[in-house]
Amino acid sequence: MTTEEHAYTFLYFGLFGNMDVSDPPPFEFTVDDMHQVAQKFEITNYVKLEYLAVWGRRTSAPSGKFRIVVTRDNAGVPGSTITAVEVDAASVGGGWNWITVSCNVILQPGTYWILVYSTSTTQYRVGASGNSIVGLVSTSGDGGATWSSESARDLLYKLQGYITP
C-alpha cells in the first residue's frame, strides 16, 4: 500500500431503533418546513460516515426538497450543521421506503443529531419505534427555534461508515 492509499476498517453499519420497517411503522412524525424531527446519536471513534437513511414517505404534492442534516449537539438539542443533503420531493414516493443519502463526512467522537424536514410545505412522514429503545428523538414545530423531547420514541434510521485511520 502506498502512502496515498488509505485502509478503512468496516465498523459503523448500524441499524438503530426498532427496525420494524412495516407499512405503516409503529409510529410516525410529520415533517415540513416548520415541523422538524431529530434523532440523537453518539460515536466513540473517528468515523467516515458514508450513507445515512431514514424510513419515510411523501404525503403531499411534491415541491421543494426533503432535507437530511447531520448536526453537532448543542446542550442536548441539534446545533450547528456538519453536512446537509437534499432529495428532490418527486423522488420520494408515497409508500414507505428507505430515503438514503450519501454523506461522505468524517465525524469526531461525540454526540450528533440526524435532523429531517422539508424545504417547502410538502409534507413527509418519517417512521419511529413504537416504544423507547433509546428514546433520543426531539421535535420542533417552529422551524428549529425550540425543541421538545419525545423520550418514548426513536427514529427508524441507519448509518453506514468506517473507522478512519
N, C-alpha and C. Protein backbone atom coordinates (compact mmCIF):
# COMPACT_ATOMS: atom_id res chain seq x y z
N MET A 1 0.85 -1.16 0.00
CA MET A 1 0.00 0.00 0.00
C MET A 1 0.90 1.23 0.00
N THR A 2 0.61 2.17 -0.89
CA THR A 2 1.40 3.40 -0.95
C THR A 2 0.90 4.38 0.10
N THR A 3 1.65 5.47 0.27
CA THR A 3 1.24 6.47 1.26
C THR A 3 -0.02 7.21 0.83
N GLU A 4 -0.40 7.11 -0.44
CA GLU A 4 -1.60 7.77 -0.94
C GLU A 4 -2.86 6.95 -0.70
N GLU A 5 -2.71 5.66 -0.44
CA GLU A 5 -3.86 4.80 -0.22
C GLU A 5 -4.23 4.78 1.26
N HIS A 6 -5.50 4.61 1.52
CA HIS A 6 -5.96 4.52 2.90
C HIS A 6 -6.72 3.22 3.08
N ALA A 7 -6.50 2.59 4.20
CA ALA A 7 -7.25 1.37 4.52
C ALA A 7 -8.27 1.72 5.60
N TYR A 8 -9.51 1.34 5.38
CA TYR A 8 -10.56 1.60 6.35
C TYR A 8 -11.07 0.28 6.90
N THR A 9 -11.23 0.24 8.19
CA THR A 9 -11.79 -0.92 8.84
C THR A 9 -13.29 -0.73 8.92
N PHE A 10 -14.05 -1.67 8.38
CA PHE A 10 -15.51 -1.56 8.42
C PHE A 10 -15.97 -1.63 9.86
N LEU A 11 -16.77 -0.66 10.27
CA LEU A 11 -17.29 -0.70 11.62
C LEU A 11 -18.72 -0.22 11.68
N TYR A 12 -18.94 1.02 11.38
CA TYR A 12 -20.25 1.60 11.63
C TYR A 12 -21.22 1.37 10.49
N PHE A 13 -21.77 0.18 10.44
CA PHE A 13 -23.00 -0.02 9.71
C PHE A 13 -23.98 -0.38 10.79
N GLY A 14 -24.73 0.59 11.21
CA GLY A 14 -25.62 0.37 12.33
C GLY A 14 -27.07 0.48 11.93
N LEU A 15 -27.89 -0.34 12.53
CA LEU A 15 -29.33 -0.23 12.40
C LEU A 15 -29.84 0.13 13.78
N PHE A 16 -30.35 1.35 13.92
CA PHE A 16 -30.72 1.86 15.22
C PHE A 16 -32.22 1.99 15.33
N GLY A 17 -32.74 1.82 16.51
CA GLY A 17 -34.17 1.88 16.75
C GLY A 17 -34.78 0.50 16.55
N ASN A 18 -36.08 0.42 16.67
CA ASN A 18 -36.80 -0.82 16.42
C ASN A 18 -37.00 -0.92 14.92
N MET A 19 -36.27 -1.77 14.25
CA MET A 19 -36.24 -1.80 12.79
C MET A 19 -37.46 -2.49 12.20
N ASP A 20 -38.60 -2.23 12.78
CA ASP A 20 -39.86 -2.74 12.25
C ASP A 20 -40.27 -1.83 11.10
N VAL A 21 -39.71 -2.08 9.94
CA VAL A 21 -39.95 -1.23 8.78
C VAL A 21 -41.20 -1.69 8.05
N SER A 22 -42.29 -1.74 8.78
CA SER A 22 -43.56 -2.15 8.22
C SER A 22 -44.26 -0.95 7.60
N ASP A 23 -45.36 -1.21 6.93
CA ASP A 23 -46.15 -0.16 6.29
C ASP A 23 -47.55 -0.20 6.87
N PRO A 24 -47.88 0.67 7.79
CA PRO A 24 -47.07 1.76 8.34
C PRO A 24 -46.20 1.30 9.49
N PRO A 25 -45.20 2.13 9.87
CA PRO A 25 -44.37 1.78 11.02
C PRO A 25 -45.16 1.96 12.31
N PRO A 26 -44.59 1.53 13.45
CA PRO A 26 -45.31 1.65 14.72
C PRO A 26 -45.71 3.08 15.08
N PHE A 27 -44.91 4.06 14.68
CA PHE A 27 -45.20 5.46 14.98
C PHE A 27 -44.65 6.32 13.85
N GLU A 28 -45.25 7.49 13.61
CA GLU A 28 -44.80 8.38 12.54
C GLU A 28 -44.74 9.81 13.05
N PHE A 29 -43.80 10.57 12.49
CA PHE A 29 -43.73 12.01 12.70
C PHE A 29 -43.97 12.68 11.35
N THR A 30 -44.76 13.75 11.33
CA THR A 30 -44.96 14.55 10.13
C THR A 30 -43.95 15.69 10.14
N VAL A 31 -43.24 15.86 9.01
CA VAL A 31 -42.30 16.96 8.88
C VAL A 31 -42.64 17.79 7.65
N ASP A 32 -42.37 19.08 7.74
CA ASP A 32 -42.50 20.01 6.61
C ASP A 32 -41.51 21.14 6.87
N ASP A 33 -41.76 22.33 6.33
CA ASP A 33 -40.80 23.41 6.50
C ASP A 33 -40.76 23.97 7.92
N MET A 34 -41.80 23.79 8.70
CA MET A 34 -41.83 24.28 10.08
C MET A 34 -41.69 23.15 11.12
N HIS A 35 -42.13 21.95 10.77
CA HIS A 35 -42.08 20.81 11.69
C HIS A 35 -40.88 19.94 11.36
N GLN A 36 -39.96 19.85 12.32
CA GLN A 36 -38.73 19.09 12.15
C GLN A 36 -38.65 18.00 13.20
N VAL A 37 -37.92 16.95 12.89
CA VAL A 37 -37.68 15.88 13.86
C VAL A 37 -36.19 15.54 13.82
N ALA A 38 -35.62 15.22 14.98
CA ALA A 38 -34.19 14.94 15.08
C ALA A 38 -33.94 13.74 15.98
N GLN A 39 -32.95 12.94 15.62
CA GLN A 39 -32.54 11.76 16.38
C GLN A 39 -31.11 11.97 16.86
N LYS A 40 -30.89 11.83 18.15
CA LYS A 40 -29.57 11.98 18.74
C LYS A 40 -28.81 10.65 18.63
N PHE A 41 -27.51 10.72 18.34
CA PHE A 41 -26.67 9.53 18.36
C PHE A 41 -25.26 9.90 18.80
N GLU A 42 -24.54 8.92 19.32
CA GLU A 42 -23.18 9.13 19.80
C GLU A 42 -22.24 8.14 19.14
N ILE A 43 -21.01 8.61 18.89
CA ILE A 43 -19.96 7.73 18.39
C ILE A 43 -18.74 7.88 19.29
N THR A 44 -17.95 6.83 19.37
CA THR A 44 -16.79 6.84 20.25
C THR A 44 -15.46 6.80 19.50
N ASN A 45 -15.51 6.79 18.16
CA ASN A 45 -14.32 6.78 17.32
C ASN A 45 -14.48 7.81 16.22
N TYR A 46 -13.37 8.13 15.54
CA TYR A 46 -13.47 8.92 14.32
C TYR A 46 -14.12 8.04 13.28
N VAL A 47 -15.13 8.54 12.62
CA VAL A 47 -15.88 7.73 11.67
C VAL A 47 -16.06 8.50 10.37
N LYS A 48 -15.77 7.83 9.27
CA LYS A 48 -16.10 8.39 7.95
C LYS A 48 -17.51 7.91 7.64
N LEU A 49 -18.48 8.81 7.81
CA LEU A 49 -19.88 8.49 7.57
C LEU A 49 -20.14 8.60 6.08
N GLU A 50 -20.55 7.49 5.46
CA GLU A 50 -20.77 7.48 4.02
C GLU A 50 -22.23 7.55 3.64
N TYR A 51 -23.09 6.82 4.33
CA TYR A 51 -24.51 6.79 3.99
C TYR A 51 -25.36 6.94 5.23
N LEU A 52 -26.51 7.54 5.03
CA LEU A 52 -27.47 7.72 6.10
C LEU A 52 -28.84 7.52 5.49
N ALA A 53 -29.74 6.87 6.20
CA ALA A 53 -31.09 6.64 5.67
C ALA A 53 -32.12 6.78 6.78
N VAL A 54 -33.29 7.28 6.41
CA VAL A 54 -34.44 7.32 7.32
C VAL A 54 -35.61 6.63 6.62
N TRP A 55 -36.46 5.99 7.40
CA TRP A 55 -37.65 5.30 6.90
C TRP A 55 -38.74 6.35 6.75
N GLY A 56 -39.17 6.61 5.51
CA GLY A 56 -40.14 7.69 5.33
C GLY A 56 -40.90 7.60 4.03
N ARG A 57 -41.78 8.61 3.84
CA ARG A 57 -42.58 8.71 2.61
C ARG A 57 -43.10 10.14 2.48
N ARG A 58 -43.46 10.51 1.27
CA ARG A 58 -44.06 11.82 1.00
C ARG A 58 -45.56 11.68 1.11
N THR A 59 -46.24 12.69 1.71
CA THR A 59 -47.68 12.59 1.90
C THR A 59 -48.45 13.74 1.27
N SER A 60 -47.78 14.59 0.50
CA SER A 60 -48.48 15.66 -0.21
C SER A 60 -47.81 15.89 -1.56
N ALA A 61 -48.38 16.78 -2.37
CA ALA A 61 -47.85 17.04 -3.71
C ALA A 61 -46.38 17.46 -3.62
N PRO A 62 -45.56 16.96 -4.56
CA PRO A 62 -44.12 17.23 -4.47
C PRO A 62 -43.75 18.65 -4.89
N SER A 63 -43.00 19.31 -4.03
CA SER A 63 -42.32 20.57 -4.36
C SER A 63 -41.17 20.70 -3.37
N GLY A 64 -40.17 21.41 -3.74
CA GLY A 64 -39.02 21.58 -2.85
C GLY A 64 -38.25 20.30 -2.66
N LYS A 65 -37.62 20.17 -1.51
CA LYS A 65 -36.73 19.06 -1.22
C LYS A 65 -36.98 18.50 0.17
N PHE A 66 -36.62 17.22 0.34
CA PHE A 66 -36.56 16.58 1.65
C PHE A 66 -35.12 16.71 2.10
N ARG A 67 -34.89 17.28 3.26
CA ARG A 67 -33.53 17.56 3.72
C ARG A 67 -33.18 16.67 4.91
N ILE A 68 -31.99 16.05 4.82
CA ILE A 68 -31.42 15.27 5.92
C ILE A 68 -30.12 15.96 6.32
N VAL A 69 -30.00 16.30 7.60
CA VAL A 69 -28.88 17.09 8.10
C VAL A 69 -28.22 16.34 9.25
N VAL A 70 -26.90 16.39 9.31
CA VAL A 70 -26.17 15.93 10.49
C VAL A 70 -25.66 17.18 11.19
N THR A 71 -26.01 17.31 12.49
CA THR A 71 -25.58 18.48 13.26
C THR A 71 -24.79 18.05 14.49
N ARG A 72 -24.07 19.00 15.02
CA ARG A 72 -23.43 18.81 16.32
C ARG A 72 -24.50 18.92 17.40
N ASP A 73 -24.20 18.41 18.57
CA ASP A 73 -25.08 18.58 19.72
C ASP A 73 -24.80 19.95 20.35
N ASN A 74 -25.87 20.64 20.72
CA ASN A 74 -25.75 21.94 21.38
C ASN A 74 -26.57 21.90 22.67
N ALA A 75 -25.95 21.42 23.73
CA ALA A 75 -26.61 21.34 25.04
C ALA A 75 -27.90 20.54 24.98
N GLY A 76 -27.85 19.40 24.28
CA GLY A 76 -28.99 18.49 24.25
C GLY A 76 -30.01 18.72 23.16
N VAL A 77 -29.72 19.63 22.23
CA VAL A 77 -30.59 19.86 21.07
C VAL A 77 -29.71 19.98 19.82
N PRO A 78 -30.29 19.85 18.62
CA PRO A 78 -29.49 19.99 17.41
C PRO A 78 -28.79 21.35 17.36
N GLY A 79 -27.53 21.34 16.94
CA GLY A 79 -26.72 22.55 16.87
C GLY A 79 -26.30 22.88 15.46
N SER A 80 -25.02 23.22 15.30
CA SER A 80 -24.51 23.67 14.00
C SER A 80 -24.45 22.51 13.00
N THR A 81 -24.70 22.84 11.75
CA THR A 81 -24.74 21.85 10.67
C THR A 81 -23.34 21.39 10.30
N ILE A 82 -23.17 20.08 10.17
CA ILE A 82 -21.94 19.49 9.68
C ILE A 82 -22.09 19.20 8.19
N THR A 83 -23.20 18.58 7.83
CA THR A 83 -23.49 18.30 6.43
C THR A 83 -25.00 18.25 6.25
N ALA A 84 -25.44 18.67 5.07
CA ALA A 84 -26.87 18.64 4.73
C ALA A 84 -27.01 18.12 3.31
N VAL A 85 -27.92 17.18 3.12
CA VAL A 85 -28.16 16.59 1.81
C VAL A 85 -29.65 16.70 1.51
N GLU A 86 -29.96 17.09 0.28
CA GLU A 86 -31.36 17.24 -0.12
C GLU A 86 -31.72 16.22 -1.18
N VAL A 87 -32.97 15.75 -1.10
CA VAL A 87 -33.52 14.80 -2.06
C VAL A 87 -34.72 15.47 -2.70
N ASP A 88 -34.82 15.45 -4.03
CA ASP A 88 -35.98 16.03 -4.71
C ASP A 88 -37.25 15.39 -4.20
N ALA A 89 -38.25 16.22 -3.93
CA ALA A 89 -39.53 15.73 -3.40
C ALA A 89 -40.15 14.69 -4.32
N ALA A 90 -40.03 14.90 -5.63
CA ALA A 90 -40.64 13.97 -6.59
C ALA A 90 -40.02 12.58 -6.53
N SER A 91 -38.78 12.48 -6.04
CA SER A 91 -38.13 11.16 -5.99
C SER A 91 -38.45 10.40 -4.70
N VAL A 92 -39.14 11.05 -3.77
CA VAL A 92 -39.59 10.37 -2.55
C VAL A 92 -41.03 9.94 -2.77
N GLY A 93 -41.26 8.66 -2.83
CA GLY A 93 -42.59 8.14 -3.14
C GLY A 93 -43.57 8.24 -1.99
N GLY A 94 -44.80 7.84 -2.29
CA GLY A 94 -45.86 7.85 -1.29
C GLY A 94 -45.88 6.61 -0.41
N GLY A 95 -45.12 5.58 -0.80
CA GLY A 95 -45.04 4.37 0.01
C GLY A 95 -43.82 4.41 0.92
N TRP A 96 -43.89 3.67 2.01
CA TRP A 96 -42.78 3.64 2.95
C TRP A 96 -41.55 3.03 2.30
N ASN A 97 -40.39 3.68 2.46
CA ASN A 97 -39.13 3.19 1.92
C ASN A 97 -37.97 3.89 2.62
N TRP A 98 -36.78 3.35 2.43
CA TRP A 98 -35.59 4.00 2.95
C TRP A 98 -35.25 5.17 2.06
N ILE A 99 -35.16 6.35 2.65
CA ILE A 99 -34.69 7.54 1.94
C ILE A 99 -33.21 7.64 2.29
N THR A 100 -32.37 7.28 1.33
CA THR A 100 -30.94 7.13 1.57
C THR A 100 -30.16 8.24 0.89
N VAL A 101 -29.18 8.80 1.61
CA VAL A 101 -28.34 9.85 1.05
C VAL A 101 -26.88 9.51 1.31
N SER A 102 -26.02 10.01 0.45
CA SER A 102 -24.58 9.88 0.61
C SER A 102 -24.08 11.10 1.38
N CYS A 103 -23.26 10.86 2.41
CA CYS A 103 -22.79 11.96 3.26
C CYS A 103 -21.32 12.29 3.04
N ASN A 104 -20.46 11.27 3.11
CA ASN A 104 -19.03 11.41 2.93
C ASN A 104 -18.43 12.51 3.82
N VAL A 105 -18.60 12.35 5.11
CA VAL A 105 -18.08 13.31 6.08
C VAL A 105 -17.40 12.54 7.22
N ILE A 106 -16.34 13.12 7.78
CA ILE A 106 -15.66 12.49 8.91
C ILE A 106 -16.15 13.13 10.20
N LEU A 107 -16.61 12.28 11.12
CA LEU A 107 -17.11 12.74 12.41
C LEU A 107 -16.11 12.36 13.50
N GLN A 108 -15.85 13.28 14.40
CA GLN A 108 -15.01 13.01 15.57
C GLN A 108 -15.87 12.33 16.63
N PRO A 109 -15.24 11.67 17.61
CA PRO A 109 -16.03 11.11 18.70
C PRO A 109 -16.88 12.21 19.34
N GLY A 110 -18.14 11.89 19.60
CA GLY A 110 -19.01 12.89 20.21
C GLY A 110 -20.48 12.59 19.98
N THR A 111 -21.30 13.60 20.25
CA THR A 111 -22.75 13.49 20.14
C THR A 111 -23.23 14.31 18.96
N TYR A 112 -24.12 13.71 18.18
CA TYR A 112 -24.62 14.33 16.95
C TYR A 112 -26.13 14.12 16.85
N TRP A 113 -26.72 14.80 15.89
CA TRP A 113 -28.15 14.67 15.60
C TRP A 113 -28.36 14.46 14.11
N ILE A 114 -29.32 13.60 13.76
CA ILE A 114 -29.84 13.49 12.40
C ILE A 114 -31.14 14.29 12.41
N LEU A 115 -31.20 15.31 11.60
CA LEU A 115 -32.33 16.23 11.55
C LEU A 115 -33.00 16.10 10.19
N VAL A 116 -34.33 15.96 10.15
CA VAL A 116 -35.05 15.85 8.88
C VAL A 116 -36.21 16.85 8.83
N TYR A 117 -36.40 17.42 7.63
CA TYR A 117 -37.51 18.34 7.40
C TYR A 117 -37.63 18.60 5.90
N SER A 118 -38.61 19.38 5.51
CA SER A 118 -38.86 19.75 4.12
C SER A 118 -38.40 21.19 3.91
N THR A 119 -37.94 21.49 2.69
CA THR A 119 -37.58 22.88 2.36
C THR A 119 -38.79 23.65 1.85
N SER A 120 -39.96 23.01 1.83
CA SER A 120 -41.19 23.65 1.36
C SER A 120 -42.35 23.16 2.23
N THR A 121 -43.56 23.46 1.81
CA THR A 121 -44.73 22.99 2.56
C THR A 121 -45.06 21.53 2.27
N THR A 122 -44.32 20.88 1.37
CA THR A 122 -44.52 19.46 1.12
C THR A 122 -44.35 18.69 2.43
N GLN A 123 -45.30 17.81 2.71
CA GLN A 123 -45.24 17.04 3.95
C GLN A 123 -44.70 15.64 3.71
N TYR A 124 -43.94 15.18 4.68
CA TYR A 124 -43.39 13.83 4.70
C TYR A 124 -43.72 13.22 6.05
N ARG A 125 -43.70 11.90 6.09
CA ARG A 125 -43.79 11.18 7.36
C ARG A 125 -42.51 10.38 7.50
N VAL A 126 -41.96 10.40 8.70
CA VAL A 126 -40.79 9.58 8.99
C VAL A 126 -41.16 8.60 10.09
N GLY A 127 -40.71 7.37 9.94
CA GLY A 127 -41.08 6.31 10.86
C GLY A 127 -40.28 6.34 12.15
N ALA A 128 -40.92 5.84 13.21
CA ALA A 128 -40.27 5.76 14.51
C ALA A 128 -40.70 4.49 15.21
N SER A 129 -39.95 4.12 16.24
CA SER A 129 -40.28 2.95 17.03
C SER A 129 -41.54 3.20 17.83
N GLY A 130 -42.23 2.12 18.14
CA GLY A 130 -43.44 2.24 18.93
C GLY A 130 -43.18 2.29 20.42
N ASN A 131 -41.95 1.98 20.81
CA ASN A 131 -41.59 2.07 22.22
C ASN A 131 -40.17 2.60 22.31
N SER A 132 -39.77 2.98 23.47
CA SER A 132 -38.46 3.58 23.65
C SER A 132 -37.37 2.52 23.62
N ILE A 133 -36.57 2.55 22.57
CA ILE A 133 -35.38 1.71 22.52
C ILE A 133 -34.27 2.47 23.24
N VAL A 134 -34.03 3.68 22.80
CA VAL A 134 -33.09 4.57 23.47
C VAL A 134 -33.81 5.85 23.89
N GLY A 135 -34.76 6.31 23.09
CA GLY A 135 -35.56 7.48 23.41
C GLY A 135 -34.84 8.79 23.23
N LEU A 136 -34.28 8.98 22.05
CA LEU A 136 -33.47 10.16 21.80
C LEU A 136 -34.00 11.02 20.66
N VAL A 137 -35.30 11.12 20.51
CA VAL A 137 -35.90 11.96 19.47
C VAL A 137 -36.36 13.27 20.08
N SER A 138 -36.16 14.36 19.31
CA SER A 138 -36.71 15.67 19.67
C SER A 138 -37.45 16.21 18.46
N THR A 139 -38.48 17.02 18.72
CA THR A 139 -39.27 17.62 17.65
C THR A 139 -39.33 19.13 17.82
N SER A 140 -39.53 19.80 16.68
CA SER A 140 -39.69 21.25 16.67
C SER A 140 -40.87 21.60 15.78
N GLY A 141 -41.73 22.48 16.23
CA GLY A 141 -42.86 22.94 15.44
C GLY A 141 -42.69 24.36 14.96
N ASP A 142 -41.49 24.93 15.19
CA ASP A 142 -41.25 26.32 14.80
C ASP A 142 -39.97 26.48 13.98
N GLY A 143 -39.70 25.51 13.11
CA GLY A 143 -38.54 25.59 12.23
C GLY A 143 -37.20 25.42 12.92
N GLY A 144 -37.18 24.82 14.09
CA GLY A 144 -35.93 24.55 14.80
C GLY A 144 -35.56 25.57 15.85
N ALA A 145 -36.43 26.54 16.12
CA ALA A 145 -36.13 27.55 17.15
C ALA A 145 -36.19 26.95 18.56
N THR A 146 -37.15 26.06 18.80
CA THR A 146 -37.27 25.39 20.10
C THR A 146 -37.48 23.90 19.86
N TRP A 147 -37.11 23.09 20.85
CA TRP A 147 -37.17 21.63 20.73
C TRP A 147 -37.86 21.01 21.94
N SER A 148 -38.60 19.92 21.69
CA SER A 148 -39.25 19.14 22.74
C SER A 148 -38.81 17.69 22.62
N SER A 149 -38.50 17.06 23.75
CA SER A 149 -38.08 15.67 23.76
C SER A 149 -39.27 14.74 23.57
N GLU A 150 -39.07 13.71 22.76
CA GLU A 150 -40.05 12.63 22.57
C GLU A 150 -39.40 11.38 23.14
N SER A 151 -39.28 11.31 24.45
CA SER A 151 -38.45 10.29 25.10
C SER A 151 -38.92 8.86 24.88
N ALA A 152 -40.12 8.67 24.39
CA ALA A 152 -40.62 7.31 24.17
C ALA A 152 -40.41 6.85 22.73
N ARG A 153 -39.65 7.58 21.94
CA ARG A 153 -39.52 7.26 20.51
C ARG A 153 -38.06 7.27 20.07
N ASP A 154 -37.79 6.52 19.01
CA ASP A 154 -36.54 6.58 18.26
C ASP A 154 -36.90 6.50 16.79
N LEU A 155 -36.24 7.32 15.96
CA LEU A 155 -36.48 7.23 14.52
C LEU A 155 -36.01 5.89 14.01
N LEU A 156 -36.58 5.47 12.90
CA LEU A 156 -36.08 4.30 12.17
C LEU A 156 -35.05 4.85 11.19
N TYR A 157 -33.79 4.62 11.47
CA TYR A 157 -32.72 5.15 10.64
C TYR A 157 -31.55 4.20 10.65
N LYS A 158 -30.65 4.41 9.72
CA LYS A 158 -29.43 3.62 9.70
C LYS A 158 -28.27 4.46 9.20
N LEU A 159 -27.10 4.14 9.72
CA LEU A 159 -25.86 4.81 9.36
C LEU A 159 -24.90 3.78 8.82
N GLN A 160 -24.08 4.20 7.86
CA GLN A 160 -23.01 3.32 7.38
C GLN A 160 -21.75 4.15 7.25
N GLY A 161 -20.67 3.63 7.83
CA GLY A 161 -19.41 4.35 7.76
C GLY A 161 -18.26 3.47 8.14
N TYR A 162 -17.09 4.08 8.26
CA TYR A 162 -15.86 3.36 8.52
C TYR A 162 -15.05 4.10 9.57
N ILE A 163 -14.33 3.36 10.41
CA ILE A 163 -13.37 4.00 11.31
C ILE A 163 -12.26 4.56 10.44
N THR A 164 -11.83 5.78 10.74
CA THR A 164 -10.74 6.37 9.96
C THR A 164 -9.40 6.05 10.62
N PRO A 165 -8.36 5.95 9.81
CA PRO A 165 -7.04 5.63 10.38
C PRO A 165 -6.47 6.78 11.19
